[in-house]
Amino acid sequence: MTAETDLLPLPPLWICPNVEPADFPEVAKALIDYARANVAHATAARDAEIEALRAKVERLNRILGRIVDGDGDSTTKILFGTDAFAAAREYLLSDQEEGK
């Protein structure tokens, strides 16, 4: 899987054609920083989308917790139909009130 990505501009240090061996550690650090910045730049949108999806899954799991009543033992009761919708609606309304 490959995708076209715009790279960030090169650091000014790399424009110099004559790099002395004494400058290698500084050049290596600049290369590492440049690579890290490009990775962060290229993945920022995807990271934001992942976080939004995680928040959505967490919210849906809280709603599901209202529909599945119990803690997984023999007393677990799954609400169906209007009971399930009523429980989810109640939770969503309380969730909206907390968000205000």
Protein backbone atom coordinates (compact mmCIF):
# COMPACT_ATOMS: atom_id res chain seq x y z
CA MET A 1 0.00 0.00 0.00
CA THR A 2 1.53 3.27 -1.08
CA ALA A 3 0.12 6.74 -1.01
CA GLU A 4 1.48 10.02 -2.24
CA THR A 5 2.50 12.27 0.62
CA ASP A 6 3.75 15.82 0.57
CA LEU A 7 7.08 16.02 2.38
CA LEU A 8 8.01 18.90 4.59
CA PRO A 9 10.70 21.29 3.34
CA LEU A 10 14.28 20.17 3.93
CA PRO A 11 16.11 21.75 6.86
CA PRO A 12 18.57 24.50 5.82
CA LEU A 13 21.50 22.39 7.03
CA TRP A 14 21.03 19.97 4.13
CA ILE A 15 21.27 22.62 1.48
CA CYS A 16 24.99 23.10 2.20
CA PRO A 17 27.00 20.97 -0.27
CA ASN A 18 30.14 20.75 1.89
CA VAL A 19 29.43 18.88 5.10
CA GLU A 20 32.46 18.13 7.24
CA PRO A 21 32.77 14.83 9.16
CA ALA A 22 32.56 16.80 12.40
CA ASP A 23 29.05 17.86 11.36
CA PHE A 24 27.77 14.27 10.89
CA PRO A 25 26.12 13.99 14.35
CA GLU A 26 24.25 17.23 13.73
CA VAL A 27 23.23 16.09 10.24
CA ALA A 28 22.11 12.69 11.58
CA LYS A 29 19.99 14.36 14.27
CA ALA A 30 18.47 16.68 11.67
CA LEU A 31 17.68 13.67 9.46
CA ILE A 32 15.96 11.85 12.33
CA ASP A 33 13.98 14.97 13.30
CA TYR A 34 13.01 15.51 9.66
CA ALA A 35 11.83 11.90 9.28
CA ARG A 36 9.81 12.06 12.51
CA ALA A 37 8.21 15.34 11.47
CA ASN A 38 7.24 13.87 8.09
CA VAL A 39 5.68 10.80 9.73
CA ALA A 40 3.73 12.97 12.17
CA HIS A 41 2.62 15.25 9.33
CA ALA A 42 1.55 12.33 7.13
CA THR A 43 -0.37 10.51 9.86
CA ALA A 44 -2.02 13.47 11.64
CA ALA A 45 -5.34 13.21 9.78
CA ARG A 46 -5.51 9.45 10.26
CA ASP A 47 -4.67 9.79 13.96
CA ALA A 48 -7.49 12.32 14.40
CA GLU A 49 -9.91 9.99 12.61
CA ILE A 50 -8.86 7.06 14.81
CA GLU A 51 -9.44 9.12 17.96
CA ALA A 52 -12.88 10.19 16.73
CA LEU A 53 -13.79 6.56 16.00
CA ARG A 54 -12.54 5.47 19.45
CA ALA A 55 -14.76 8.09 21.08
CA LYS A 56 -17.72 6.90 19.01
CA VAL A 57 -17.10 3.25 19.96
CA GLU A 58 -16.83 4.22 23.63
CA ARG A 59 -20.13 6.08 23.45
CA LEU A 60 -21.83 3.18 21.67
CA ASN A 61 -20.51 0.76 24.29
CA ARG A 62 -22.02 2.94 27.02
CA ILE A 63 -25.36 2.86 25.18
CA LEU A 64 -25.09 -0.90 24.77
CA GLY A 65 -24.46 -1.14 28.50
CA ARG A 66 -27.92 0.37 28.97
CA ILE A 67 -29.51 -2.18 26.65
CA VAL A 68 -27.73 -5.21 28.14
CA ASP A 69 -28.78 -5.20 31.76
CA GLY A 70 -26.54 -7.25 34.06
CA ASP A 71 -22.89 -8.17 34.30
CA GLY A 72 -22.64 -11.30 32.17
CA ASP A 73 -23.84 -13.83 34.71
CA SER A 74 -27.09 -15.79 34.70
CA THR A 75 -29.10 -12.64 35.52
CA THR A 76 -28.10 -10.84 32.34
CA LYS A 77 -31.14 -9.50 30.58
CA ILE A 78 -31.10 -8.05 27.09
CA LEU A 79 -33.72 -5.44 26.47
CA PHE A 80 -35.54 -5.64 23.15
CA GLY A 81 -37.78 -3.40 21.10
CA THR A 82 -39.15 -0.34 22.82
CA ASP A 83 -37.42 -1.18 26.13
CA ALA A 84 -34.03 -1.11 24.41
CA PHE A 85 -34.80 2.13 22.61
CA ALA A 86 -36.13 3.69 25.79
CA ALA A 87 -32.98 2.75 27.71
CA ALA A 88 -30.72 4.04 24.94
CA ARG A 89 -32.77 7.24 24.61
CA GLU A 90 -32.62 7.83 28.36
CA TYR A 91 -28.87 7.41 28.29
CA LEU A 92 -28.40 9.68 25.27
CA LEU A 93 -30.51 12.40 26.84
CA SER A 94 -28.55 12.20 30.10
CA ASP A 95 -25.30 12.19 28.09
CA GLN A 96 -26.38 15.38 26.31
CA GLU A 97 -27.27 17.04 29.60
CA GLU A 98 -23.81 16.22 31.00
CA GLY A 99 -22.18 17.70 27.88
CA LYS A 100 -23.82 21.10 28.38
